Amino acid sequence: MKNFLKFNNYLAFSLMLLQAQVVLADVNVVTPNKVINAFEKTFGITQGERRNHTKGTCAVGEFIGSKDAVVFSRSELFTGKPLPIIARFSLAGGNPSVPDTAKSPRGLALEFLLTDGSLHHMAMLNTPVFGAANPQTFYNMLVAKTPDPLTGKPDQEKIEAFKLNHTDNKAQAHFLANNNPPSNYYESAYYGIHTFKFFNKDNKETLVRWRFVPQSGEKQLSEAELENLPANFLEQNLIKRTEEGAVKWKMLVTIGEPDDVQDNPTIAWPKNREEIEAGTLILTESMHQEGAKCESINFDPLVLSDGIKATNDPILLFRSPSYAISFAKRLSNQ
């Protein structure tokens, strides 16, 4: 039954995924399948698991939107009705045993259940920008990190050559190098990375980017904590924290201007843009992902509610079919 439900979920998104692949076929030589194969070569294969962000933790709760956002979007997210949420926190990469002190991005994926039974997804990172402006850079990064068969470790010369030849990777790499990982999943902000379009009841279009900021504040690991903390403290701490009470984030939406970058997630918008508070994420329970609700979800970022649309960001469009390939492999326990 569990696999049957997963398969139905996959079929429901298949038409949209095929449409995205048609767009990508015209503009990219790197295919989603090629990128998933690169993940497998770089990190190995953990059967039945995600190829990226393999290590993760589930949580559940609700989202209460702010009516201030209705001016910009007619989405049900912003009606003020509490909407059930399934969340998944994760570490980037395909290694299920990666230590929680790794200087790599953290992820937060959300599935919103709307009142008519439809869904809305968000897939975010704790870095304010992404590490590739196009699929080619992302693929080249994976290839550069592929372990040498003789040493079992990546070739540093290849990594340095990648950095030299891909300036669109610099902003995220600089952030990761100069900011220690968050102390806990619940003490981190998470960024939507991409530009989306809001449409209100009059169909007026507004460019937006969003982020979720923890109400308790952000905190990074100290150098001593990086050296001494155990490999799996993030999940343990999150479970303990939600047992003590709900954890909350404010959803902040940045309002773009017509000349702001729409299709490059490696470029941050100017800091003087208008910003509104669009809602509150409330997580009340967290748990290990095996057998939990988030485990079987394909958090496709192009599953959007009416009133929110994607831009032509090549990375955003590429994520959807890539997720579908990874999801199909999970269904067949590959």
C-alpha atoms as a PDB file:
ATOM      1  CA  MET A   1       0.000   0.000   0.000  1.00  0.00           C
ATOM      2  CA  LYS A   2       2.824   2.392   0.901  1.00  0.00           C
ATOM      3  CA  ASN A   3       4.516   1.965  -2.490  1.00  0.00           C
ATOM      4  CA  PHE A   4       1.138   2.201  -4.242  1.00  0.00           C
ATOM      5  CA  LEU A   5       0.496   5.609  -2.677  1.00  0.00           C
ATOM      6  CA  LYS A   6       3.988   6.724  -3.649  1.00  0.00           C
ATOM      7  CA  PHE A   7       3.341   5.656  -7.229  1.00  0.00           C
ATOM      8  CA  ASN A   8       0.027   7.539  -7.385  1.00  0.00           C
ATOM      9  CA  ASN A   9       1.793  10.608  -6.054  1.00  0.00           C
ATOM     10  CA  TYR A  10       4.383  10.246  -8.799  1.00  0.00           C
ATOM     11  CA  LEU A  11       1.762   9.886 -11.546  1.00  0.00           C
ATOM     12  CA  ALA A  12      -0.065  13.001 -10.356  1.00  0.00           C
ATOM     13  CA  PHE A  13       3.026  15.086 -11.062  1.00  0.00           C
ATOM     14  CA  SER A  14       4.177  13.301 -14.228  1.00  0.00           C
ATOM     15  CA  LEU A  15       2.557  15.623 -16.791  1.00  0.00           C
ATOM     16  CA  MET A  16       4.069  18.701 -15.213  1.00  0.00           C
ATOM     17  CA  LEU A  17       7.465  17.022 -15.041  1.00  0.00           C
ATOM     18  CA  LEU A  18       7.336  16.086 -18.716  1.00  0.00           C
ATOM     19  CA  GLN A  19       6.498  19.686 -19.605  1.00  0.00           C
ATOM     20  CA  ALA A  20       9.541  20.876 -17.648  1.00  0.00           C
ATOM     21  CA  GLN A  21      11.739  18.339 -19.438  1.00  0.00           C
ATOM     22  CA  VAL A  22      10.573  19.622 -22.831  1.00  0.00           C
ATOM     23  CA  VAL A  23      11.702  23.129 -21.864  1.00  0.00           C
ATOM     24  CA  LEU A  24      15.031  21.840 -20.587  1.00  0.00           C
ATOM     25  CA  ALA A  25      15.704  19.757 -23.684  1.00  0.00           C
ATOM     26  CA  ASP A  26      16.015  22.938 -25.739  1.00  0.00           C
ATOM     27  CA  VAL A  27      18.421  24.817 -23.488  1.00  0.00           C
ATOM     28  CA  ASN A  28      20.609  22.316 -21.637  1.00  0.00           C
ATOM     29  CA  VAL A  29      23.086  19.705 -22.765  1.00  0.00           C
ATOM     30  CA  VAL A  30      23.177  18.347 -19.218  1.00  0.00           C
ATOM     31  CA  THR A  31      20.163  16.125 -18.619  1.00  0.00           C
ATOM     32  CA  PRO A  32      18.517  15.371 -15.266  1.00  0.00           C
ATOM     33  CA  ASN A  33      19.401  11.707 -15.685  1.00  0.00           C
ATOM     34  CA  LYS A  34      23.061  12.628 -16.206  1.00  0.00           C
ATOM     35  CA  VAL A  35      23.068  14.648 -12.977  1.00  0.00           C
ATOM     36  CA  ILE A  36      21.492  11.819 -10.969  1.00  0.00           C
ATOM     37  CA  ASN A  37      24.126   9.436 -12.352  1.00  0.00           C
ATOM     38  CA  ALA A  38      26.798  11.910 -11.256  1.00  0.00           C
ATOM     39  CA  PHE A  39      25.352  11.917  -7.733  1.00  0.00           C
ATOM     40  CA  GLU A  40      25.613   8.137  -7.690  1.00  0.00           C
ATOM     41  CA  LYS A  41      29.239   8.194  -8.829  1.00  0.00           C
ATOM     42  CA  THR A  42      30.186  10.871  -6.319  1.00  0.00           C
ATOM     43  CA  PHE A  43      28.347   9.571  -3.235  1.00  0.00           C
ATOM     44  CA  GLY A  44      27.534   5.973  -4.080  1.00  0.00           C
ATOM     45  CA  ILE A  45      24.047   4.482  -4.035  1.00  0.00           C
ATOM     46  CA  THR A  46      21.962   3.981  -0.908  1.00  0.00           C
ATOM     47  CA  GLN A  47      19.141   1.754  -2.139  1.00  0.00           C
ATOM     48  CA  GLY A  48      15.651   3.143  -1.711  1.00  0.00           C
ATOM     49  CA  GLU A  49      16.885   6.572  -0.640  1.00  0.00           C
ATOM     50  CA  ARG A  50      17.126  10.048  -2.144  1.00  0.00           C
ATOM     51  CA  ARG A  51      20.177  10.674  -4.323  1.00  0.00           C
ATOM     52  CA  ASN A  52      20.658  14.124  -2.778  1.00  0.00           C
ATOM     53  CA  HIS A  53      19.869  15.318   0.756  1.00  0.00           C
ATOM     54  CA  THR A  54      19.829  11.658   1.732  1.00  0.00           C
ATOM     55  CA  LYS A  55      20.254  12.210   5.460  1.00  0.00           C
ATOM     56  CA  GLY A  56      17.127  13.782   6.881  1.00  0.00           C
ATOM     57  CA  THR A  57      14.575  14.157   9.660  1.00  0.00           C
ATOM     58  CA  CYS A  58      10.791  14.499   9.474  1.00  0.00           C
ATOM     59  CA  ALA A  59       8.529  16.948  11.258  1.00  0.00           C
ATOM     60  CA  VAL A  60       4.847  17.917  11.206  1.00  0.00           C
ATOM     61  CA  GLY A  61       2.872  21.021  12.127  1.00  0.00           C
ATOM     62  CA  GLU A  62       0.955  23.810  10.442  1.00  0.00           C
ATOM     63  CA  PHE A  63       1.351  27.058   8.558  1.00  0.00           C
ATOM     64  CA  ILE A  64      -0.771  30.130   9.243  1.00  0.00           C
ATOM     65  CA  GLY A  65      -0.537  32.694   6.483  1.00  0.00           C
ATOM     66  CA  SER A  66      -0.732  36.435   6.912  1.00  0.00           C
ATOM     67  CA  LYS A  67      -3.493  38.335   5.130  1.00  0.00           C
ATOM     68  CA  ASP A  68      -0.919  41.060   4.414  1.00  0.00           C
ATOM     69  CA  ALA A  69       0.314  38.790   1.620  1.00  0.00           C
ATOM     70  CA  VAL A  70      -3.117  38.640  -0.045  1.00  0.00           C
ATOM     71  CA  VAL A  71      -2.346  41.992  -1.648  1.00  0.00           C
ATOM     72  CA  PHE A  72       0.304  40.170  -3.684  1.00  0.00           C
ATOM     73  CA  SER A  73      -0.968  36.578  -3.990  1.00  0.00           C
ATOM     74  CA  ARG A  74      -4.358  34.878  -4.088  1.00  0.00           C
ATOM     75  CA  SER A  75      -2.793  31.592  -2.935  1.00  0.00           C
ATOM     76  CA  GLU A  76      -4.648  29.795  -0.160  1.00  0.00           C
ATOM     77  CA  LEU A  77      -1.389  29.839   1.771  1.00  0.00           C
ATOM     78  CA  PHE A  78      -2.188  33.425   2.762  1.00  0.00           C
ATOM     79  CA  THR A  79      -5.851  33.239   3.767  1.00  0.00           C
ATOM     80  CA  GLY A  80      -5.050  32.930   7.462  1.00  0.00           C
ATOM     81  CA  LYS A  81      -6.421  29.386   7.638  1.00  0.00           C
ATOM     82  CA  PRO A  82      -4.130  26.900   9.436  1.00  0.00           C
ATOM     83  CA  LEU A  83      -2.788  24.481   6.815  1.00  0.00           C
ATOM     84  CA  PRO A  84      -1.263  21.093   7.757  1.00  0.00           C
ATOM     85  CA  ILE A  85       2.467  20.827   7.081  1.00  0.00           C
ATOM     86  CA  ILE A  86       4.821  17.897   6.530  1.00  0.00           C
ATOM     87  CA  ALA A  87       8.448  18.996   6.773  1.00  0.00           C
ATOM     88  CA  ARG A  88      11.831  17.428   6.129  1.00  0.00           C
ATOM     89  CA  PHE A  89      15.164  18.777   7.355  1.00  0.00           C
ATOM     90  CA  SER A  90      18.292  17.473   5.656  1.00  0.00           C
ATOM     91  CA  LEU A  91      21.985  17.761   4.852  1.00  0.00           C
ATOM     92  CA  ALA A  92      23.138  18.239   1.263  1.00  0.00           C
ATOM     93  CA  GLY A  93      24.741  15.350  -0.588  1.00  0.00           C
ATOM     94  CA  GLY A  94      24.112  11.665  -1.058  1.00  0.00           C
ATOM     95  CA  ASN A  95      25.972  10.341   1.977  1.00  0.00           C
ATOM     96  CA  PRO A  96      23.507   9.089   4.645  1.00  0.00           C
ATOM     97  CA  SER A  97      26.322   9.059   7.221  1.00  0.00           C
ATOM     98  CA  VAL A  98      27.604  12.598   6.672  1.00  0.00           C
ATOM     99  CA  PRO A  99      28.427  14.193  10.061  1.00  0.00           C
ATOM    100  CA  ASP A 100      26.140  16.973  11.221  1.00  0.00           C
ATOM    101  CA  THR A 101      29.150  19.295  11.532  1.00  0.00           C
ATOM    102  CA  ALA A 102      29.842  19.159   7.771  1.00  0.00           C
ATOM    103  CA  LYS A 103      30.273  22.572   6.151  1.00  0.00           C
ATOM    104  CA  SER A 104      27.579  21.940   3.574  1.00  0.00           C
ATOM    105  CA  PRO A 105      24.072  23.340   3.047  1.00  0.00           C
ATOM    106  CA  ARG A 106      21.145  22.350   5.257  1.00  0.00           C
ATOM    107  CA  GLY A 107      17.737  21.900   3.678  1.00  0.00           C
ATOM    108  CA  LEU A 108      14.137  22.422   4.714  1.00  0.00           C
ATOM    109  CA  ALA A 109      11.383  21.028   2.477  1.00  0.00           C
ATOM    110  CA  LEU A 110       7.704  21.692   3.151  1.00  0.00           C
ATOM    111  CA  GLU A 111       4.477  20.163   1.880  1.00  0.00           C
ATOM    112  CA  PHE A 112       1.356  22.274   2.482  1.00  0.00           C
ATOM    113  CA  LEU A 113      -2.025  20.494   2.355  1.00  0.00           C
ATOM    114  CA  LEU A 114      -4.664  22.861   0.976  1.00  0.00           C
ATOM    115  CA  THR A 115      -8.350  22.609   1.855  1.00  0.00           C
ATOM    116  CA  ASP A 116      -9.308  21.123  -1.532  1.00  0.00           C
ATOM    117  CA  GLY A 117      -6.757  18.326  -1.117  1.00  0.00           C
ATOM    118  CA  SER A 118      -4.166  19.839  -3.454  1.00  0.00           C
ATOM    119  CA  LEU A 119      -0.564  20.454  -2.430  1.00  0.00           C
ATOM    120  CA  HIS A 120       2.036  23.187  -2.411  1.00  0.00           C
ATOM    121  CA  HIS A 121       5.765  22.477  -2.023  1.00  0.00           C
ATOM    122  CA  MET A 122       8.795  24.487  -0.975  1.00  0.00           C
ATOM    123  CA  ALA A 123      12.381  23.213  -1.072  1.00  0.00           C
ATOM    124  CA  MET A 124      14.816  25.581   0.646  1.00  0.00           C
ATOM    125  CA  LEU A 125      18.447  25.861   1.770  1.00  0.00           C
ATOM    126  CA  ASN A 126      20.125  27.647   4.651  1.00  0.00           C
ATOM    127  CA  THR A 127      22.379  29.543   2.207  1.00  0.00           C
ATOM    128  CA  PRO A 128      21.021  32.826   0.800  1.00  0.00           C
ATOM    129  CA  VAL A 129      22.156  31.924  -2.727  1.00  0.00           C
ATOM    130  CA  PHE A 130      22.666  28.718  -4.703  1.00  0.00           C
ATOM    131  CA  GLY A 131      25.983  27.319  -5.962  1.00  0.00           C
ATOM    132  CA  ALA A 132      25.212  27.171  -9.695  1.00  0.00           C
ATOM    133  CA  ALA A 133      23.503  29.454 -12.181  1.00  0.00           C
ATOM    134  CA  ASN A 134      22.820  26.604 -14.594  1.00  0.00           C
ATOM    135  CA  PRO A 135      22.734  22.783 -14.656  1.00  0.00           C
ATOM    136  CA  GLN A 136      26.124  22.582 -16.372  1.00  0.00           C
ATOM    137  CA  THR A 137      27.900  24.187 -13.405  1.00  0.00           C
ATOM    138  CA  PHE A 138      26.060  21.933 -10.966  1.00  0.00           C
ATOM    139  CA  TYR A 139      26.987  18.841 -12.954  1.00  0.00           C
ATOM    140  CA  ASN A 140      30.618  19.936 -13.253  1.00  0.00           C
ATOM    141  CA  MET A 141      30.768  20.440  -9.487  1.00  0.00           C
ATOM    142  CA  LEU A 142      29.621  16.860  -8.893  1.00  0.00           C
ATOM    143  CA  VAL A 143      32.152  15.521 -11.389  1.00  0.00           C
ATOM    144  CA  ALA A 144      34.954  17.510  -9.732  1.00  0.00           C
ATOM    145  CA  LYS A 145      34.040  15.993  -6.354  1.00  0.00           C
ATOM    146  CA  THR A 146      33.941  12.394  -7.620  1.00  0.00           C
ATOM    147  CA  PRO A 147      36.406  10.282  -5.598  1.00  0.00           C
ATOM    148  CA  ASP A 148      39.528   9.041  -7.354  1.00  0.00           C
ATOM    149  CA  PRO A 149      39.326   5.212  -7.671  1.00  0.00           C
ATOM    150  CA  LEU A 150      42.886   4.859  -6.349  1.00  0.00           C
ATOM    151  CA  THR A 151      42.640   7.105  -3.285  1.00  0.00           C
ATOM    152  CA  GLY A 152      38.932   7.004  -2.552  1.00  0.00           C
ATOM    153  CA  LYS A 153      39.056  10.805  -2.160  1.00  0.00           C
ATOM    154  CA  PRO A 154      38.277  13.727  -4.474  1.00  0.00           C
ATOM    155  CA  ASP A 155      41.174  15.141  -6.489  1.00  0.00           C
ATOM    156  CA  GLN A 156      41.901  18.608  -5.061  1.00  0.00           C
ATOM    157  CA  GLU A 157      43.362  19.786  -8.360  1.00  0.00           C
ATOM    158  CA  LYS A 158      40.050  19.068 -10.098  1.00  0.00           C
ATOM    159  CA  ILE A 159      38.135  20.887  -7.367  1.00  0.00           C
ATOM    160  CA  GLU A 160      40.400  23.935  -7.645  1.00  0.00           C
ATOM    161  CA  ALA A 161      40.055  23.900 -11.431  1.00  0.00           C
ATOM    162  CA  PHE A 162      36.275  23.820 -11.053  1.00  0.00           C
ATOM    163  CA  LYS A 163      36.346  26.837  -8.722  1.00  0.00           C
ATOM    164  CA  LEU A 164      38.578  28.749 -11.125  1.00  0.00           C
ATOM    165  CA  ASN A 165      36.321  28.097 -14.114  1.00  0.00           C
ATOM    166  CA  HIS A 166      32.911  28.569 -12.477  1.00  0.00           C
ATOM    167  CA  THR A 167      32.512  32.010 -10.960  1.00  0.00           C
ATOM    168  CA  ASP A 168      28.791  31.362 -10.392  1.00  0.00           C
ATOM    169  CA  ASN A 169      29.780  28.989  -7.579  1.00  0.00           C
ATOM    170  CA  LYS A 170      31.699  31.644  -5.644  1.00  0.00           C
ATOM    171  CA  ALA A 171      28.901  33.336  -3.694  1.00  0.00           C
ATOM    172  CA  GLN A 172      27.582  30.170  -2.051  1.00  0.00           C
ATOM    173  CA  ALA A 173      31.108  28.821  -1.514  1.00  0.00           C
ATOM    174  CA  HIS A 174      32.064  32.097   0.194  1.00  0.00           C
ATOM    175  CA  PHE A 175      29.030  31.879   2.478  1.00  0.00           C
ATOM    176  CA  LEU A 176      29.797  28.290   3.486  1.00  0.00           C
ATOM    177  CA  ALA A 177      33.475  29.078   4.078  1.00  0.00           C
ATOM    178  CA  ASN A 178      32.708  32.085   6.261  1.00  0.00           C
ATOM    179  CA  ASN A 179      29.700  30.816   8.196  1.00  0.00           C
ATOM    180  CA  ASN A 180      29.777  27.762  10.417  1.00  0.00           C
ATOM    181  CA  PRO A 181      26.805  25.398  10.116  1.00  0.00           C
ATOM    182  CA  PRO A 182      23.748  26.124  12.278  1.00  0.00           C
ATOM    183  CA  SER A 183      23.779  24.862  15.862  1.00  0.00           C
ATOM    184  CA  ASN A 184      20.448  23.153  15.281  1.00  0.00           C
ATOM    185  CA  TYR A 185      17.907  22.747  12.520  1.00  0.00           C
ATOM    186  CA  TYR A 186      15.578  25.020  14.508  1.00  0.00           C
ATOM    187  CA  GLU A 187      18.205  27.773  14.870  1.00  0.00           C
ATOM    188  CA  SER A 188      18.649  28.384  11.160  1.00  0.00           C
ATOM    189  CA  ALA A 189      17.012  30.508   8.489  1.00  0.00           C
ATOM    190  CA  TYR A 190      16.023  28.813   5.226  1.00  0.00           C
ATOM    191  CA  TYR A 191      15.912  30.543   1.844  1.00  0.00           C
ATOM    192  CA  GLY A 192      13.702  29.794  -1.142  1.00  0.00           C
ATOM    193  CA  ILE A 193      16.773  30.563  -3.328  1.00  0.00           C
ATOM    194  CA  HIS A 194      14.748  31.112  -6.511  1.00  0.00           C
ATOM    195  CA  THR A 195      12.574  33.961  -7.739  1.00  0.00           C
ATOM    196  CA  PHE A 196       8.866  33.180  -8.010  1.00  0.00           C
ATOM    197  CA  LYS A 197       5.883  35.164  -9.274  1.00  0.00           C
ATOM    198  CA  PHE A 198       2.901  36.051  -7.087  1.00  0.00           C
ATOM    199  CA  PHE A 199      -0.494  36.791  -8.671  1.00  0.00           C
ATOM    200  CA  ASN A 200      -3.298  38.473  -6.723  1.00  0.00           C
ATOM    201  CA  LYS A 201      -7.070  38.322  -7.321  1.00  0.00           C
ATOM    202  CA  ASP A 202      -6.703  40.890 -10.095  1.00  0.00           C
ATOM    203  CA  ASN A 203      -3.939  38.785 -11.668  1.00  0.00           C
ATOM    204  CA  LYS A 204      -1.332  41.450 -10.960  1.00  0.00           C
ATOM    205  CA  GLU A 205       2.157  39.941 -11.106  1.00  0.00           C
ATOM    206  CA  THR A 206       4.818  40.526  -8.437  1.00  0.00           C
ATOM    207  CA  LEU A 207       8.346  39.106  -8.353  1.00  0.00           C
ATOM    208  CA  VAL A 208       9.198  37.612  -4.957  1.00  0.00           C
ATOM    209  CA  ARG A 209      11.788  35.688  -3.013  1.00  0.00           C
ATOM    210  CA  TRP A 210      11.153  34.238   0.429  1.00  0.00           C
ATOM    211  CA  ARG A 211      12.913  32.975   3.499  1.00  0.00           C
ATOM    212  CA  PHE A 212      11.905  31.447   6.842  1.00  0.00           C
ATOM    213  CA  VAL A 213      13.530  32.980   9.921  1.00  0.00           C
ATOM    214  CA  PRO A 214      13.434  31.210  13.320  1.00  0.00           C
ATOM    215  CA  GLN A 215      11.583  33.169  15.990  1.00  0.00           C
ATOM    216  CA  SER A 216      14.101  32.045  18.613  1.00  0.00           C
ATOM    217  CA  GLY A 217      16.990  33.494  16.576  1.00  0.00           C
ATOM    218  CA  GLU A 218      19.808  32.083  14.463  1.00  0.00           C
ATOM    219  CA  LYS A 219      22.884  30.460  15.961  1.00  0.00           C
ATOM    220  CA  GLN A 220      25.992  28.899  14.411  1.00  0.00           C
ATOM    221  CA  LEU A 221      28.279  26.192  15.770  1.00  0.00           C
ATOM    222  CA  SER A 222      31.407  27.376  17.525  1.00  0.00           C
ATOM    223  CA  GLU A 223      34.808  26.058  16.469  1.00  0.00           C
ATOM    224  CA  ALA A 224      34.892  23.897  19.629  1.00  0.00           C
ATOM    225  CA  GLU A 225      31.481  22.436  18.795  1.00  0.00           C
ATOM    226  CA  LEU A 226      32.625  21.631  15.261  1.00  0.00           C
ATOM    227  CA  GLU A 227      35.418  19.558  16.754  1.00  0.00           C
ATOM    228  CA  ASN A 228      33.536  17.798  19.551  1.00  0.00           C
ATOM    229  CA  LEU A 229      29.869  17.300  18.708  1.00  0.00           C
ATOM    230  CA  PRO A 230      28.655  13.785  17.766  1.00  0.00           C
ATOM    231  CA  ALA A 231      27.827  12.867  14.179  1.00  0.00           C
ATOM    232  CA  ASN A 232      24.043  12.834  14.592  1.00  0.00           C
ATOM    233  CA  PHE A 233      23.117  15.601  17.024  1.00  0.00           C
ATOM    234  CA  LEU A 234      20.800  17.533  14.676  1.00  0.00           C
ATOM    235  CA  GLU A 235      18.006  14.962  14.657  1.00  0.00           C
ATOM    236  CA  GLN A 236      18.342  14.178  18.356  1.00  0.00           C
ATOM    237  CA  ASN A 237      18.197  17.850  19.305  1.00  0.00           C
ATOM    238  CA  LEU A 238      15.228  18.581  17.049  1.00  0.00           C
ATOM    239  CA  ILE A 239      13.199  15.698  18.479  1.00  0.00           C
ATOM    240  CA  LYS A 240      14.017  16.803  22.024  1.00  0.00           C
ATOM    241  CA  ARG A 241      13.188  20.429  21.256  1.00  0.00           C
ATOM    242  CA  THR A 242       9.751  19.691  19.768  1.00  0.00           C
ATOM    243  CA  GLU A 243       8.958  17.489  22.763  1.00  0.00           C
ATOM    244  CA  GLU A 244       9.388  20.625  24.876  1.00  0.00           C
ATOM    245  CA  GLY A 245       7.091  22.741  22.687  1.00  0.00           C
ATOM    246  CA  ALA A 246       6.479  24.031  19.192  1.00  0.00           C
ATOM    247  CA  VAL A 247       9.222  25.685  17.156  1.00  0.00           C
ATOM    248  CA  LYS A 248       8.319  28.577  14.871  1.00  0.00           C
ATOM    249  CA  TRP A 249       9.626  30.449  11.856  1.00  0.00           C
ATOM    250  CA  LYS A 250       8.358  33.671  10.282  1.00  0.00           C
ATOM    251  CA  MET A 251       7.948  33.582   6.507  1.00  0.00           C
ATOM    252  CA  LEU A 252       9.381  36.798   5.095  1.00  0.00           C
ATOM    253  CA  VAL A 253       8.711  37.689   1.457  1.00  0.00           C
ATOM    254  CA  THR A 254      10.939  40.132  -0.401  1.00  0.00           C
ATOM    255  CA  ILE A 255       9.130  42.169  -3.060  1.00  0.00           C
ATOM    256  CA  GLY A 256      11.167  42.426  -6.229  1.00  0.00           C
ATOM    257  CA  GLU A 257      11.439  45.219  -8.749  1.00  0.00           C
ATOM    258  CA  PRO A 258      11.181  44.756 -12.537  1.00  0.00           C
ATOM    259  CA  ASP A 259      14.945  44.914 -13.079  1.00  0.00           C
ATOM    260  CA  ASP A 260      15.797  42.405 -10.323  1.00  0.00           C
ATOM    261  CA  VAL A 261      17.394  39.129 -11.417  1.00  0.00           C
ATOM    262  CA  GLN A 262      14.732  36.480 -12.028  1.00  0.00           C
ATOM    263  CA  ASP A 263      16.627  33.552 -13.506  1.00  0.00           C
ATOM    264  CA  ASN A 264      19.885  33.320 -11.533  1.00  0.00           C
ATOM    265  CA  PRO A 265      19.741  31.936  -7.975  1.00  0.00           C
ATOM    266  CA  THR A 266      23.434  32.706  -7.383  1.00  0.00           C
ATOM    267  CA  ILE A 267      22.789  36.467  -7.311  1.00  0.00           C
ATOM    268  CA  ALA A 268      21.244  38.049  -4.201  1.00  0.00           C
ATOM    269  CA  TRP A 269      18.771  40.885  -4.516  1.00  0.00           C
ATOM    270  CA  PRO A 270      19.617  44.347  -3.078  1.00  0.00           C
ATOM    271  CA  LYS A 271      18.967  44.555   0.658  1.00  0.00           C
ATOM    272  CA  ASN A 272      16.779  47.662   0.374  1.00  0.00           C
ATOM    273  CA  ARG A 273      13.838  45.820  -1.201  1.00  0.00           C
ATOM    274  CA  GLU A 274      10.409  45.940   0.465  1.00  0.00           C
ATOM    275  CA  GLU A 275       9.713  42.979   2.732  1.00  0.00           C
ATOM    276  CA  ILE A 276       6.479  41.662   4.230  1.00  0.00           C
ATOM    277  CA  GLU A 277       5.708  39.068   6.869  1.00  0.00           C
ATOM    278  CA  ALA A 278       3.689  36.414   5.041  1.00  0.00           C
ATOM    279  CA  GLY A 279       2.987  33.832   7.745  1.00  0.00           C
ATOM    280  CA  THR A 280       4.184  31.575  10.540  1.00  0.00           C
ATOM    281  CA  LEU A 281       5.474  28.020  10.279  1.00  0.00           C
ATOM    282  CA  ILE A 282       4.775  26.022  13.446  1.00  0.00           C
ATOM    283  CA  LEU A 283       6.322  22.563  13.881  1.00  0.00           C
ATOM    284  CA  THR A 284       4.978  20.552  16.792  1.00  0.00           C
ATOM    285  CA  GLU A 285       6.585  17.110  16.409  1.00  0.00           C
ATOM    286  CA  SER A 286       9.683  15.655  14.786  1.00  0.00           C
ATOM    287  CA  MET A 287      10.882  12.109  14.254  1.00  0.00           C
ATOM    288  CA  HIS A 288      13.328   9.826  12.433  1.00  0.00           C
ATOM    289  CA  GLN A 289      12.420   9.716   8.744  1.00  0.00           C
ATOM    290  CA  GLU A 290      12.158   5.927   8.347  1.00  0.00           C
ATOM    291  CA  GLY A 291       8.453   5.134   8.103  1.00  0.00           C
ATOM    292  CA  ALA A 292       7.436   8.737   8.809  1.00  0.00           C
ATOM    293  CA  LYS A 293       5.279  10.914   6.574  1.00  0.00           C
ATOM    294  CA  CYS A 294       8.080  12.874   4.923  1.00  0.00           C
ATOM    295  CA  GLU A 295       9.968   9.768   3.802  1.00  0.00           C
ATOM    296  CA  SER A 296       7.725   9.011   0.821  1.00  0.00           C
ATOM    297  CA  ILE A 297       7.221  12.589  -0.377  1.00  0.00           C
ATOM    298  CA  ASN A 298       8.867  13.928  -3.514  1.00  0.00           C
ATOM    299  CA  PHE A 299       9.276  17.585  -2.520  1.00  0.00           C
ATOM    300  CA  ASP A 300       9.073  18.892  -6.077  1.00  0.00           C
ATOM    301  CA  PRO A 301       9.457  22.703  -5.948  1.00  0.00           C
ATOM    302  CA  LEU A 302       7.233  23.126  -9.016  1.00  0.00           C
ATOM    303  CA  VAL A 303       4.181  21.796  -7.174  1.00  0.00           C
ATOM    304  CA  LEU A 304       2.627  25.222  -6.609  1.00  0.00           C
ATOM    305  CA  SER A 305      -0.769  26.544  -5.568  1.00  0.00           C
ATOM    306  CA  ASP A 306      -2.863  28.940  -7.631  1.00  0.00           C
ATOM    307  CA  GLY A 307      -1.469  32.450  -7.202  1.00  0.00           C
ATOM    308  CA  ILE A 308       2.195  31.386  -7.267  1.00  0.00           C
ATOM    309  CA  LYS A 309       4.165  30.517 -10.402  1.00  0.00           C
ATOM    310  CA  ALA A 310       7.746  29.635 -11.265  1.00  0.00           C
ATOM    311  CA  THR A 311      10.082  31.871 -13.249  1.00  0.00           C
ATOM    312  CA  ASN A 312      12.310  30.634 -16.076  1.00  0.00           C
ATOM    313  CA  ASP A 313      15.199  30.004 -13.688  1.00  0.00           C
ATOM    314  CA  PRO A 314      17.046  27.072 -15.366  1.00  0.00           C
ATOM    315  CA  ILE A 315      18.031  25.550 -12.007  1.00  0.00           C
ATOM    316  CA  LEU A 316      14.453  25.687 -10.704  1.00  0.00           C
ATOM    317  CA  LEU A 317      13.103  24.056 -13.867  1.00  0.00           C
ATOM    318  CA  PHE A 318      15.862  21.430 -13.755  1.00  0.00           C
ATOM    319  CA  ARG A 319      15.123  20.395 -10.177  1.00  0.00           C
ATOM    320  CA  SER A 320      11.669  19.029 -10.940  1.00  0.00           C
ATOM    321  CA  PRO A 321      12.597  16.296 -13.474  1.00  0.00           C
ATOM    322  CA  SER A 322      15.753  15.493 -11.486  1.00  0.00           C
ATOM    323  CA  TYR A 323      13.670  14.918  -8.361  1.00  0.00           C
ATOM    324  CA  ALA A 324      11.321  12.724 -10.398  1.00  0.00           C
ATOM    325  CA  ILE A 325      14.166  10.462 -11.531  1.00  0.00           C
ATOM    326  CA  SER A 326      15.469  10.125  -7.986  1.00  0.00           C
ATOM    327  CA  PHE A 327      11.930   9.447  -6.761  1.00  0.00           C
ATOM    328  CA  ALA A 328      11.333   6.739  -9.364  1.00  0.00           C
ATOM    329  CA  LYS A 329      14.561   5.001  -8.272  1.00  0.00           C
ATOM    330  CA  ARG A 330      13.375   5.104  -4.684  1.00  0.00           C
ATOM    331  CA  LEU A 331      10.053   3.554  -5.658  1.00  0.00           C
ATOM    332  CA  SER A 332      11.846   0.617  -7.266  1.00  0.00           C
ATOM    333  CA  ASN A 333      14.287   0.338  -4.342  1.00  0.00           C
ATOM    334  CA  GLN A 334      17.280   1.133  -6.549  1.00  0.00           C
END
